């Protein structure tokens, strides 16, 4: 589970981008922290970077599917 120390740098958001699921090799539009829905592993993905195609495998658990936990906002307002 992602952790943070300074809550004043995070904002609760209900944007649909958090609901999208990503497969290995796909390129999400947002840089941020992504969590595997199957095993709970977390990774950081940079802007315009693909989800790692072979970051890890699940032999018994099921498919590797990523969902955004936190996105890095460019030029915060």
PDB file of N, CA and C in Angstrom:
ATOM      1  N   UNK A   1       0.842  -1.168   0.000  1.00  0.00           N
ATOM      2  CA  UNK A   1       0.000   0.000   0.000  1.00  0.00           C
ATOM      3  C   UNK A   1       0.893   1.238   0.000  1.00  0.00           C
ATOM      4  N   UNK A   2       0.586   2.181  -0.870  1.00  0.00           N
ATOM      5  CA  UNK A   2       1.368   3.415  -0.955  1.00  0.00           C
ATOM      6  C   UNK A   2       1.258   4.177   0.360  1.00  0.00           C
ATOM      7  N   UNK A   3       2.353   4.782   0.759  1.00  0.00           N
ATOM      8  CA  UNK A   3       2.382   5.554   1.996  1.00  0.00           C
ATOM      9  C   UNK A   3       2.815   6.986   1.679  1.00  0.00           C
ATOM     10  N   UNK A   4       2.495   7.908   2.571  1.00  0.00           N
ATOM     11  CA  UNK A   4       2.934   9.287   2.404  1.00  0.00           C
ATOM     12  C   UNK A   4       3.177   9.891   3.772  1.00  0.00           C
ATOM     13  N   UNK A   5       3.962  10.955   3.811  1.00  0.00           N
ATOM     14  CA  UNK A   5       4.249  11.636   5.066  1.00  0.00           C
ATOM     15  C   UNK A   5       3.561  12.991   5.140  1.00  0.00           C
ATOM     16  N   UNK A   6       3.560  13.721   4.029  1.00  0.00           N
ATOM     17  CA  UNK A   6       3.047  15.089   4.029  1.00  0.00           C
ATOM     18  C   UNK A   6       1.714  15.165   3.292  1.00  0.00           C
ATOM     19  N   UNK A   7       0.629  15.065   4.031  1.00  0.00           N
ATOM     20  CA  UNK A   7      -0.705  15.033   3.419  1.00  0.00           C
ATOM     21  C   UNK A   7      -1.070  16.343   2.727  1.00  0.00           C
ATOM     22  N   UNK A   8      -0.392  17.437   3.064  1.00  0.00           N
ATOM     23  CA  UNK A   8      -0.709  18.708   2.424  1.00  0.00           C
ATOM     24  C   UNK A   8      -0.259  18.746   0.963  1.00  0.00           C
ATOM     25  N   UNK A   9       0.472  17.722   0.496  1.00  0.00           N
ATOM     26  CA  UNK A   9       0.892  17.637  -0.902  1.00  0.00           C
ATOM     27  C   UNK A   9       0.028  16.672  -1.709  1.00  0.00           C
ATOM     28  N   UNK A  10      -1.012  16.119  -1.093  1.00  0.00           N
ATOM     29  CA  UNK A  10      -1.908  15.182  -1.775  1.00  0.00           C
ATOM     30  C   UNK A  10      -3.337  15.698  -1.697  1.00  0.00           C
ATOM     31  N   UNK A  11      -4.107  15.448  -2.756  1.00  0.00           N
ATOM     32  CA  UNK A  11      -5.489  15.896  -2.829  1.00  0.00           C
ATOM     33  C   UNK A  11      -6.361  14.719  -3.240  1.00  0.00           C
ATOM     34  N   UNK A  12      -7.453  14.495  -2.526  1.00  0.00           N
ATOM     35  CA  UNK A  12      -8.396  13.456  -2.895  1.00  0.00           C
ATOM     36  C   UNK A  12      -9.057  13.834  -4.216  1.00  0.00           C
ATOM     37  N   UNK A  13      -9.149  12.881  -5.118  1.00  0.00           N
ATOM     38  CA  UNK A  13      -9.737  13.149  -6.432  1.00  0.00           C
ATOM     39  C   UNK A  13     -10.591  11.965  -6.863  1.00  0.00           C
ATOM     40  N   UNK A  14     -11.667  12.255  -7.552  1.00  0.00           N
ATOM     41  CA  UNK A  14     -12.573  11.220  -8.059  1.00  0.00           C
ATOM     42  C   UNK A  14     -12.518  11.123  -9.588  1.00  0.00           C
ATOM     43  N   UNK A  15     -11.426  11.590 -10.211  1.00  0.00           N
ATOM     44  CA  UNK A  15     -11.348  11.562 -11.672  1.00  0.00           C
ATOM     45  C   UNK A  15     -11.340  10.118 -12.177  1.00  0.00           C
ATOM     46  N   UNK A  16     -11.897   9.923 -13.361  1.00  0.00           N
ATOM     47  CA  UNK A  16     -12.041   8.594 -13.942  1.00  0.00           C
ATOM     48  C   UNK A  16     -10.703   7.917 -14.245  1.00  0.00           C
ATOM     49  N   UNK A  17      -9.626   8.689 -14.335  1.00  0.00           N
ATOM     50  CA  UNK A  17      -8.311   8.117 -14.626  1.00  0.00           C
ATOM     51  C   UNK A  17      -7.913   7.056 -13.590  1.00  0.00           C
ATOM     52  N   UNK A  18      -8.417   7.172 -12.378  1.00  0.00           N
ATOM     53  CA  UNK A  18      -8.092   6.198 -11.337  1.00  0.00           C
ATOM     54  C   UNK A  18      -8.799   4.856 -11.548  1.00  0.00           C
ATOM     55  N   UNK A  19      -9.838   4.828 -12.354  1.00  0.00           N
ATOM     56  CA  UNK A  19     -10.618   3.606 -12.570  1.00  0.00           C
ATOM     57  C   UNK A  19     -10.108   2.760 -13.732  1.00  0.00           C
ATOM     58  N   UNK A  20      -9.301   3.333 -14.588  1.00  0.00           N
ATOM     59  CA  UNK A  20      -8.786   2.636 -15.767  1.00  0.00           C
ATOM     60  C   UNK A  20      -7.785   1.566 -15.360  1.00  0.00           C
ATOM     61  N   UNK A  21      -7.830   0.430 -16.058  1.00  0.00           N
ATOM     62  CA  UNK A  21      -6.884  -0.650 -15.808  1.00  0.00           C
ATOM     63  C   UNK A  21      -5.936  -0.762 -16.995  1.00  0.00           C
ATOM     64  N   UNK A  22      -4.673  -1.093 -16.705  1.00  0.00           N
ATOM     65  CA  UNK A  22      -3.628  -1.124 -17.724  1.00  0.00           C
ATOM     66  C   UNK A  22      -2.931  -2.480 -17.727  1.00  0.00           C
ATOM     67  N   UNK A  23      -2.601  -2.930 -18.917  1.00  0.00           N
ATOM     68  CA  UNK A  23      -1.865  -4.179 -19.084  1.00  0.00           C
ATOM     69  C   UNK A  23      -0.389  -3.887 -19.292  1.00  0.00           C
ATOM     70  N   UNK A  24       0.479  -4.851 -19.000  1.00  0.00           N
ATOM     71  CA  UNK A  24       1.907  -4.655 -19.248  1.00  0.00           C
ATOM     72  C   UNK A  24       2.155  -4.231 -20.702  1.00  0.00           C
ATOM     73  N   UNK A  25       3.034  -3.246 -20.877  1.00  0.00           N
ATOM     74  CA  UNK A  25       3.366  -2.745 -22.206  1.00  0.00           C
ATOM     75  C   UNK A  25       2.530  -1.564 -22.659  1.00  0.00           C
ATOM     76  N   UNK A  26       1.383  -1.321 -22.035  1.00  0.00           N
ATOM     77  CA  UNK A  26       0.557  -0.169 -22.412  1.00  0.00           C
ATOM     78  C   UNK A  26       1.156   1.114 -21.843  1.00  0.00           C
ATOM     79  N   UNK A  27       0.812   2.253 -22.475  1.00  0.00           N
ATOM     80  CA  UNK A  27       1.348   3.555 -22.059  1.00  0.00           C
ATOM     81  C   UNK A  27       0.211   4.406 -21.488  1.00  0.00           C
ATOM     82  N   UNK A  28       0.139   4.530 -20.173  1.00  0.00           N
ATOM     83  CA  UNK A  28      -0.903   5.374 -19.583  1.00  0.00           C
ATOM     84  C   UNK A  28      -0.562   6.855 -19.767  1.00  0.00           C
ATOM     85  N   UNK A  29      -1.557   7.741 -19.801  1.00  0.00           N
ATOM     86  CA  UNK A  29      -1.299   9.164 -20.004  1.00  0.00           C
ATOM     87  C   UNK A  29      -0.734   9.872 -18.775  1.00  0.00           C
ATOM     88  N   UNK A  30      -0.848   9.247 -17.609  1.00  0.00           N
ATOM     89  CA  UNK A  30      -0.406   9.898 -16.376  1.00  0.00           C
ATOM     90  C   UNK A  30       0.796   9.197 -15.756  1.00  0.00           C
ATOM     91  N   UNK A  31       1.805   9.994 -15.399  1.00  0.00           N
ATOM     92  CA  UNK A  31       2.907   9.467 -14.597  1.00  0.00           C
ATOM     93  C   UNK A  31       2.379   9.268 -13.187  1.00  0.00           C
ATOM     94  N   UNK A  32       2.887   8.267 -12.503  1.00  0.00           N
ATOM     95  CA  UNK A  32       2.442   8.075 -11.134  1.00  0.00           C
ATOM     96  C   UNK A  32       2.806   6.723 -10.580  1.00  0.00           C
ATOM     97  N   UNK A  33       2.117   6.367  -9.495  1.00  0.00           N
ATOM     98  CA  UNK A  33       2.295   5.076  -8.860  1.00  0.00           C
ATOM     99  C   UNK A  33       1.130   4.194  -9.283  1.00  0.00           C
ATOM    100  N   UNK A  34       1.471   3.011  -9.774  1.00  0.00           N
ATOM    101  CA  UNK A  34       0.472   2.047 -10.225  1.00  0.00           C
ATOM    102  C   UNK A  34       0.570   0.789  -9.373  1.00  0.00           C
ATOM    103  N   UNK A  35      -0.580   0.181  -9.090  1.00  0.00           N
ATOM    104  CA  UNK A  35      -0.654  -1.010  -8.241  1.00  0.00           C
ATOM    105  C   UNK A  35      -1.229  -2.171  -9.040  1.00  0.00           C
ATOM    106  N   UNK A  36      -0.599  -3.329  -8.897  1.00  0.00           N
ATOM    107  CA  UNK A  36      -1.122  -4.541  -9.535  1.00  0.00           C
ATOM    108  C   UNK A  36      -2.375  -4.967  -8.773  1.00  0.00           C
ATOM    109  N   UNK A  37      -3.483  -5.062  -9.477  1.00  0.00           N
ATOM    110  CA  UNK A  37      -4.748  -5.434  -8.842  1.00  0.00           C
ATOM    111  C   UNK A  37      -4.745  -6.879  -8.363  1.00  0.00           C
ATOM    112  N   UNK A  38      -3.873  -7.687  -8.897  1.00  0.00           N
ATOM    113  CA  UNK A  38      -3.853  -9.100  -8.536  1.00  0.00           C
ATOM    114  C   UNK A  38      -3.021  -9.380  -7.289  1.00  0.00           C
ATOM    115  N   UNK A  39      -1.804  -8.805  -7.215  1.00  0.00           N
ATOM    116  CA  UNK A  39      -0.912  -9.151  -6.103  1.00  0.00           C
ATOM    117  C   UNK A  39      -0.588  -7.984  -5.173  1.00  0.00           C
ATOM    118  N   UNK A  40      -0.911  -6.733  -5.568  1.00  0.00           N
ATOM    119  CA  UNK A  40      -0.649  -5.579  -4.714  1.00  0.00           C
ATOM    120  C   UNK A  40       0.715  -4.935  -4.894  1.00  0.00           C
ATOM    121  N   UNK A  41       1.549  -5.476  -5.801  1.00  0.00           N
ATOM    122  CA  UNK A  41       2.856  -4.869  -6.064  1.00  0.00           C
ATOM    123  C   UNK A  41       2.637  -3.457  -6.613  1.00  0.00           C
ATOM    124  N   UNK A  42       3.548  -2.546  -6.324  1.00  0.00           N
ATOM    125  CA  UNK A  42       3.436  -1.164  -6.788  1.00  0.00           C
ATOM    126  C   UNK A  42       4.674  -0.771  -7.571  1.00  0.00           C
ATOM    127  N   UNK A  43       4.476   0.058  -8.611  1.00  0.00           N
ATOM    128  CA  UNK A  43       5.569   0.544  -9.440  1.00  0.00           C
ATOM    129  C   UNK A  43       5.354   2.023  -9.733  1.00  0.00           C
ATOM    130  N   UNK A  44       6.431   2.710 -10.057  1.00  0.00           N
ATOM    131  CA  UNK A  44       6.359   4.097 -10.519  1.00  0.00           C
ATOM    132  C   UNK A  44       6.528   4.089 -12.035  1.00  0.00           C
ATOM    133  N   UNK A  45       5.664   4.838 -12.715  1.00  0.00           N
ATOM    134  CA  UNK A  45       5.712   4.936 -14.174  1.00  0.00           C
ATOM    135  C   UNK A  45       5.871   6.405 -14.533  1.00  0.00           C
ATOM    136  N   UNK A  46       6.861   6.709 -15.360  1.00  0.00           N
ATOM    137  CA  UNK A  46       7.108   8.078 -15.780  1.00  0.00           C
ATOM    138  C   UNK A  46       6.173   8.513 -16.897  1.00  0.00           C
ATOM    139  N   UNK A  47       6.118   9.813 -17.134  1.00  0.00           N
ATOM    140  CA  UNK A  47       5.281  10.370 -18.198  1.00  0.00           C
ATOM    141  C   UNK A  47       5.715   9.815 -19.553  1.00  0.00           C
ATOM    142  N   UNK A  48       4.751   9.359 -20.333  1.00  0.00           N
ATOM    143  CA  UNK A  48       4.956   8.777 -21.665  1.00  0.00           C
ATOM    144  C   UNK A  48       5.792   7.492 -21.619  1.00  0.00           C
ATOM    145  N   UNK A  49       5.829   6.817 -20.471  1.00  0.00           N
ATOM    146  CA  UNK A  49       6.525   5.537 -20.359  1.00  0.00           C
ATOM    147  C   UNK A  49       5.503   4.412 -20.284  1.00  0.00           C
ATOM    148  N   UNK A  50       5.893   3.269 -20.825  1.00  0.00           N
ATOM    149  CA  UNK A  50       5.020   2.100 -20.801  1.00  0.00           C
ATOM    150  C   UNK A  50       5.088   1.401 -19.447  1.00  0.00           C
ATOM    151  N   UNK A  51       3.990   0.762 -19.092  1.00  0.00           N
ATOM    152  CA  UNK A  51       3.995  -0.151 -17.952  1.00  0.00           C
ATOM    153  C   UNK A  51       5.013  -1.238 -18.304  1.00  0.00           C
ATOM    154  N   UNK A  52       5.916  -1.592 -17.410  1.00  0.00           N
ATOM    155  CA  UNK A  52       6.928  -2.599 -17.752  1.00  0.00           C
ATOM    156  C   UNK A  52       6.288  -3.881 -18.295  1.00  0.00           C
ATOM    157  N   UNK A  53       6.768  -4.369 -19.432  1.00  0.00           N
ATOM    158  CA  UNK A  53       6.145  -5.545 -20.054  1.00  0.00           C
ATOM    159  C   UNK A  53       6.402  -6.843 -19.304  1.00  0.00           C
ATOM    160  N   UNK A  54       7.486  -6.914 -18.560  1.00  0.00           N
ATOM    161  CA  UNK A  54       7.780  -8.168 -17.854  1.00  0.00           C
ATOM    162  C   UNK A  54       8.229  -7.878 -16.431  1.00  0.00           C
ATOM    163  N   UNK A  55       7.559  -6.948 -15.764  1.00  0.00           N
ATOM    164  CA  UNK A  55       7.940  -6.561 -14.411  1.00  0.00           C
ATOM    165  C   UNK A  55       7.859  -7.743 -13.452  1.00  0.00           C
ATOM    166  N   UNK A  56       6.778  -8.481 -13.527  1.00  0.00           N
ATOM    167  CA  UNK A  56       6.627  -9.694 -12.728  1.00  0.00           C
ATOM    168  C   UNK A  56       5.547 -10.559 -13.346  1.00  0.00           C
ATOM    169  N   UNK A  57       5.489 -11.792 -12.941  1.00  0.00           N
ATOM    170  CA  UNK A  57       4.503 -12.729 -13.474  1.00  0.00           C
ATOM    171  C   UNK A  57       3.728 -13.361 -12.329  1.00  0.00           C
ATOM    172  N   UNK A  58       2.517 -13.751 -12.629  1.00  0.00           N
ATOM    173  CA  UNK A  58       1.697 -14.508 -11.687  1.00  0.00           C
ATOM    174  C   UNK A  58       1.458 -15.877 -12.313  1.00  0.00           C
ATOM    175  N   UNK A  59       1.946 -16.865 -11.721  1.00  0.00           N
ATOM    176  CA  UNK A  59       1.745 -18.213 -12.268  1.00  0.00           C
ATOM    177  C   UNK A  59       0.427 -18.812 -11.786  1.00  0.00           C
ATOM    178  N   UNK A  60      -0.010 -18.435 -10.601  1.00  0.00           N
ATOM    179  CA  UNK A  60      -1.217 -19.018 -10.036  1.00  0.00           C
ATOM    180  C   UNK A  60      -2.292 -17.956  -9.764  1.00  0.00           C
ATOM    181  N   UNK A  61      -1.876 -16.753  -9.428  1.00  0.00           N
ATOM    182  CA  UNK A  61      -2.808 -15.729  -8.965  1.00  0.00           C
ATOM    183  C   UNK A  61      -3.757 -15.198 -10.034  1.00  0.00           C
ATOM    184  N   UNK A  62      -3.291 -15.050 -11.256  1.00  0.00           N
ATOM    185  CA  UNK A  62      -4.107 -14.464 -12.313  1.00  0.00           C
ATOM    186  C   UNK A  62      -3.303 -13.462 -13.114  1.00  0.00           C
ATOM    187  N   UNK A  63      -3.960 -12.706 -13.991  1.00  0.00           N
ATOM    188  CA  UNK A  63      -3.258 -11.785 -14.887  1.00  0.00           C
ATOM    189  C   UNK A  63      -2.670 -10.577 -14.157  1.00  0.00           C
ATOM    190  N   UNK A  64      -1.628  -9.990 -14.745  1.00  0.00           N
ATOM    191  CA  UNK A  64      -1.030  -8.759 -14.231  1.00  0.00           C
ATOM    192  C   UNK A  64      -1.837  -7.597 -14.813  1.00  0.00           C
ATOM    193  N   UNK A  65      -2.530  -6.874 -13.954  1.00  0.00           N
ATOM    194  CA  UNK A  65      -3.359  -5.735 -14.352  1.00  0.00           C
ATOM    195  C   UNK A  65      -3.052  -4.592 -13.402  1.00  0.00           C
ATOM    196  N   UNK A  66      -2.701  -3.439 -13.956  1.00  0.00           N
ATOM    197  CA  UNK A  66      -2.282  -2.286 -13.158  1.00  0.00           C
ATOM    198  C   UNK A  66      -3.373  -1.235 -13.073  1.00  0.00           C
ATOM    199  N   UNK A  67      -3.447  -0.548 -11.924  1.00  0.00           N
ATOM    200  CA  UNK A  67      -4.391   0.551 -11.728  1.00  0.00           C
ATOM    201  C   UNK A  67      -3.655   1.677 -11.015  1.00  0.00           C
ATOM    202  N   UNK A  68      -3.913   2.901 -11.437  1.00  0.00           N
ATOM    203  CA  UNK A  68      -3.229   4.060 -10.873  1.00  0.00           C
ATOM    204  C   UNK A  68      -3.684   4.332  -9.436  1.00  0.00           C
ATOM    205  N   UNK A  69      -2.722   4.518  -8.545  1.00  0.00           N
ATOM    206  CA  UNK A  69      -3.002   4.901  -7.153  1.00  0.00           C
ATOM    207  C   UNK A  69      -2.845   6.394  -6.948  1.00  0.00           C
ATOM    208  N   UNK A  70      -1.747   6.943  -7.493  1.00  0.00           N
ATOM    209  CA  UNK A  70      -1.408   8.360  -7.327  1.00  0.00           C
ATOM    210  C   UNK A  70      -0.859   8.858  -8.650  1.00  0.00           C
ATOM    211  N   UNK A  71      -1.329   9.999  -9.134  1.00  0.00           N
ATOM    212  CA  UNK A  71      -0.698  10.517 -10.345  1.00  0.00           C
ATOM    213  C   UNK A  71       0.054  11.798 -10.056  1.00  0.00           C
ATOM    214  N   UNK A  72       1.127  11.975 -10.800  1.00  0.00           N
ATOM    215  CA  UNK A  72       1.987  13.145 -10.653  1.00  0.00           C
ATOM    216  C   UNK A  72       1.395  14.277 -11.496  1.00  0.00           C
ATOM    217  N   UNK A  73       0.997  15.342 -10.846  1.00  0.00           N
ATOM    218  CA  UNK A  73       0.374  16.458 -11.549  1.00  0.00           C
ATOM    219  C   UNK A  73       1.433  17.397 -12.088  1.00  0.00           C
ATOM    220  N   UNK A  74       1.332  17.685 -13.366  1.00  0.00           N
ATOM    221  CA  UNK A  74       2.251  18.631 -13.990  1.00  0.00           C
ATOM    222  C   UNK A  74       1.755  20.043 -13.761  1.00  0.00           C
ATOM    223  N   UNK A  75       2.637  20.912 -13.345  1.00  0.00           N
ATOM    224  CA  UNK A  75       2.309  22.318 -13.095  1.00  0.00           C
ATOM    225  C   UNK A  75       1.067  22.460 -12.222  1.00  0.00           C
ATOM    226  N   UNK A  76       1.129  22.027 -10.966  1.00  0.00           N
ATOM    227  CA  UNK A  76      -0.044  22.110 -10.094  1.00  0.00           C
ATOM    228  C   UNK A  76      -0.534  23.547  -9.943  1.00  0.00           C
ATOM    229  N   UNK A  77      -1.842  23.681  -9.809  1.00  0.00           N
ATOM    230  CA  UNK A  77      -2.469  24.992  -9.689  1.00  0.00           C
ATOM    231  C   UNK A  77      -2.962  25.233  -8.282  1.00  0.00           C
TER     232      UNK A  77
END
